[in-house]
C-alpha atoms as a PDB file:
ATOM      1  CA  UNK A   1      87.886 120.680 124.985  1.00  0.00           C
ATOM      2  CA  UNK A   2      91.843 121.933 124.281  1.00  0.00           C
ATOM      3  CA  UNK A   3      92.844 118.855 126.666  1.00  0.00           C
ATOM      4  CA  UNK A   4      90.501 115.958 126.147  1.00  0.00           C
ATOM      5  CA  UNK A   5      91.789 116.493 122.508  1.00  0.00           C
ATOM      6  CA  UNK A   6      95.151 116.322 122.963  1.00  0.00           C
ATOM      7  CA  UNK A   7      94.794 113.327 125.808  1.00  0.00           C
ATOM      8  CA  UNK A   8      92.798 111.738 122.951  1.00  0.00           C
ATOM      9  CA  UNK A   9      96.654 112.102 120.940  1.00  0.00           C
ATOM     10  CA  UNK A  10      98.002 110.867 123.185  1.00  0.00           C
ATOM     11  CA  UNK A  11      96.638 108.104 123.316  1.00  0.00           C
ATOM     12  CA  UNK A  12      96.953 107.322 119.412  1.00  0.00           C
ATOM     13  CA  UNK A  13     100.363 108.217 119.544  1.00  0.00           C
ATOM     14  CA  UNK A  14     100.939 105.051 123.136  1.00  0.00           C
ATOM     15  CA  UNK A  15      98.616 103.237 120.701  1.00  0.00           C
ATOM     16  CA  UNK A  16     100.696 103.625 117.771  1.00  0.00           C
ATOM     17  CA  UNK A  17     104.033 103.105 119.703  1.00  0.00           C
ATOM     18  CA  UNK A  18     102.834  99.815 121.416  1.00  0.00           C
ATOM     19  CA  UNK A  19     101.946  98.615 117.968  1.00  0.00           C
ATOM     20  CA  UNK A  20     104.536  99.508 115.543  1.00  0.00           C
ATOM     21  CA  UNK A  21     106.878  96.235 116.380  1.00  0.00           C
ATOM     22  CA  UNK A  22     104.544  93.739 115.418  1.00  0.00           C
ATOM     23  CA  UNK A  23     104.997  93.815 112.018  1.00  0.00           C
ATOM     24  CA  UNK A  24     103.823  90.383 111.206  1.00  0.00           C
ATOM     25  CA  UNK A  25     100.616  90.296 112.975  1.00  0.00           C
ATOM     26  CA  UNK A  26      99.942  94.117 111.631  1.00  0.00           C
ATOM     27  CA  UNK A  27      99.798  92.016 108.407  1.00  0.00           C
ATOM     28  CA  UNK A  28      97.903  89.273 109.324  1.00  0.00           C
ATOM     29  CA  UNK A  29      94.964  91.466 110.293  1.00  0.00           C
ATOM     30  CA  UNK A  30      94.735  93.948 107.049  1.00  0.00           C
ATOM     31  CA  UNK A  31      94.538  90.534 105.268  1.00  0.00           C
ATOM     32  CA  UNK A  32      91.698  89.120 107.437  1.00  0.00           C
ATOM     33  CA  UNK A  33      90.285  92.206 107.286  1.00  0.00           C
ATOM     34  CA  UNK A  34      90.148  92.442 103.940  1.00  0.00           C
ATOM     35  CA  UNK A  35      88.879  88.836 103.220  1.00  0.00           C
ATOM     36  CA  UNK A  36      86.030  89.494 105.621  1.00  0.00           C
ATOM     37  CA  UNK A  37      85.396  92.738 104.066  1.00  0.00           C
ATOM     38  CA  UNK A  38      85.445  90.484  99.978  1.00  0.00           C
ATOM     39  CA  UNK A  39      82.711  88.078 102.624  1.00  0.00           C
ATOM     40  CA  UNK A  40      80.765  90.569 103.562  1.00  0.00           C
ATOM     41  CA  UNK A  41      80.248  92.399  99.673  1.00  0.00           C
ATOM     42  CA  UNK A  42      79.637  88.577  98.283  1.00  0.00           C
ATOM     43  CA  UNK A  43      77.089  87.625 100.934  1.00  0.00           C
ATOM     44  CA  UNK A  44      75.328  90.439 100.438  1.00  0.00           C
ATOM     45  CA  UNK A  45      75.054  91.105  96.907  1.00  0.00           C
ATOM     46  CA  UNK A  46      74.813  94.758  95.255  1.00  0.00           C
ATOM     47  CA  UNK A  47      77.055  96.767  97.306  1.00  0.00           C
ATOM     48  CA  UNK A  48      79.341  96.281  94.103  1.00  0.00           C
ATOM     49  CA  UNK A  49      79.829  99.767  92.692  1.00  0.00           C
ATOM     50  CA  UNK A  50      79.554 101.206  95.980  1.00  0.00           C
ATOM     51  CA  UNK A  51      82.560  99.080  96.960  1.00  0.00           C
ATOM     52  CA  UNK A  52      84.658  99.130  93.993  1.00  0.00           C
ATOM     53  CA  UNK A  53      84.660 103.232  93.922  1.00  0.00           C
ATOM     54  CA  UNK A  54      85.538 102.913  97.959  1.00  0.00           C
ATOM     55  CA  UNK A  55      88.662 100.415  96.318  1.00  0.00           C
ATOM     56  CA  UNK A  56      89.988 103.594  93.669  1.00  0.00           C
ATOM     57  CA  UNK A  57      89.790 105.564  96.610  1.00  0.00           C
ATOM     58  CA  UNK A  58      92.289 104.163  98.114  1.00  0.00           C
ATOM     59  CA  UNK A  59      94.369 102.595  95.257  1.00  0.00           C
ATOM     60  CA  UNK A  60      94.621 106.468  94.735  1.00  0.00           C
ATOM     61  CA  UNK A  61      95.808 107.460  98.266  1.00  0.00           C
ATOM     62  CA  UNK A  62      98.304 104.475  98.026  1.00  0.00           C
ATOM     63  CA  UNK A  63      99.445 105.531  94.740  1.00  0.00           C
ATOM     64  CA  UNK A  64      99.692 109.125  96.200  1.00  0.00           C
ATOM     65  CA  UNK A  65     102.027 107.666  98.907  1.00  0.00           C
ATOM     66  CA  UNK A  66     104.360 106.160  96.770  1.00  0.00           C
ATOM     67  CA  UNK A  67     104.704 109.304  94.608  1.00  0.00           C
ATOM     68  CA  UNK A  68     107.838 111.613  95.525  1.00  0.00           C
ATOM     69  CA  UNK A  69     106.657 115.138  96.327  1.00  0.00           C
ATOM     70  CA  UNK A  70     108.489 116.349  93.773  1.00  0.00           C
ATOM     71  CA  UNK A  71     109.191 114.708  90.136  1.00  0.00           C
ATOM     72  CA  UNK A  72     113.476 114.292  89.689  1.00  0.00           C
ATOM     73  CA  UNK A  73     113.362 114.078  86.264  1.00  0.00           C
ATOM     74  CA  UNK A  74     111.531 117.253  85.605  1.00  0.00           C
ATOM     75  CA  UNK A  75     114.211 118.802  87.635  1.00  0.00           C
ATOM     76  CA  UNK A  76     116.982 117.115  86.563  1.00  0.00           C
ATOM     77  CA  UNK A  77     115.565 118.205  82.879  1.00  0.00           C
ATOM     78  CA  UNK A  78     115.842 121.626  83.920  1.00  0.00           C
ATOM     79  CA  UNK A  79     119.251 121.546  85.608  1.00  0.00           C
ATOM     80  CA  UNK A  80     120.532 120.368  81.712  1.00  0.00           C
ATOM     81  CA  UNK A  81     118.924 122.980  80.613  1.00  0.00           C
ATOM     82  CA  UNK A  82     120.062 125.350  82.984  1.00  0.00           C
ATOM     83  CA  UNK A  83     123.995 123.739  82.480  1.00  0.00           C
ATOM     84  CA  UNK A  84     123.276 123.661  78.429  1.00  0.00           C
ATOM     85  CA  UNK A  85     121.999 127.777  78.299  1.00  0.00           C
ATOM     86  CA  UNK A  86     125.646 128.590  80.642  1.00  0.00           C
ATOM     87  CA  UNK A  87     127.766 126.300  77.864  1.00  0.00           C
ATOM     88  CA  UNK A  88     125.908 128.225  75.122  1.00  0.00           C
ATOM     89  CA  UNK A  89     126.800 131.739  76.826  1.00  0.00           C
ATOM     90  CA  UNK A  90     129.966 131.075  77.730  1.00  0.00           C
ATOM     91  CA  UNK A  91     130.824 129.806  73.730  1.00  0.00           C
ATOM     92  CA  UNK A  92     128.923 132.583  72.352  1.00  0.00           C
ATOM     93  CA  UNK A  93     131.084 134.766  74.092  1.00  0.00           C
ATOM     94  CA  UNK A  94     134.354 133.220  73.502  1.00  0.00           C
ATOM     95  CA  UNK A  95     133.464 133.207  69.721  1.00  0.00           C
ATOM     96  CA  UNK A  96     132.385 137.275  69.841  1.00  0.00           C
ATOM     97  CA  UNK A  97     135.810 138.224  71.894  1.00  0.00           C
ATOM     98  CA  UNK A  98     137.544 135.918  69.243  1.00  0.00           C
ATOM     99  CA  UNK A  99     135.337 137.548  66.187  1.00  0.00           C
ATOM    100  CA  UNK A 100     136.336 141.234  68.470  1.00  0.00           C
ATOM    101  CA  UNK A 101     139.811 139.911  67.838  1.00  0.00           C
ATOM    102  CA  UNK A 102     140.611 139.063  64.641  1.00  0.00           C
ATOM    103  CA  UNK A 103     139.074 141.948  62.814  1.00  0.00           C
END
């Protein structure tokens, strides 16, 4: 079973490697498939809810693909808060040193 899986993976990778350079034909194929899918929905009538759910699922996958795994503003905000805390510690320590020297 493992040999069959390896052969399938190798053939799939070979197909991907062969198809990647052809960007315009790939987009035309995708647009054609979407057009045919829309035509089938209109022709069969009654599959609107199922197709709507499928469209929401694909939109969710697309948004997940575009979204970064780490939220940069949150990371920057935490870094800024750490810097502010360090600055506060330094200034309070200096103020304490000044108060003890003058007393």
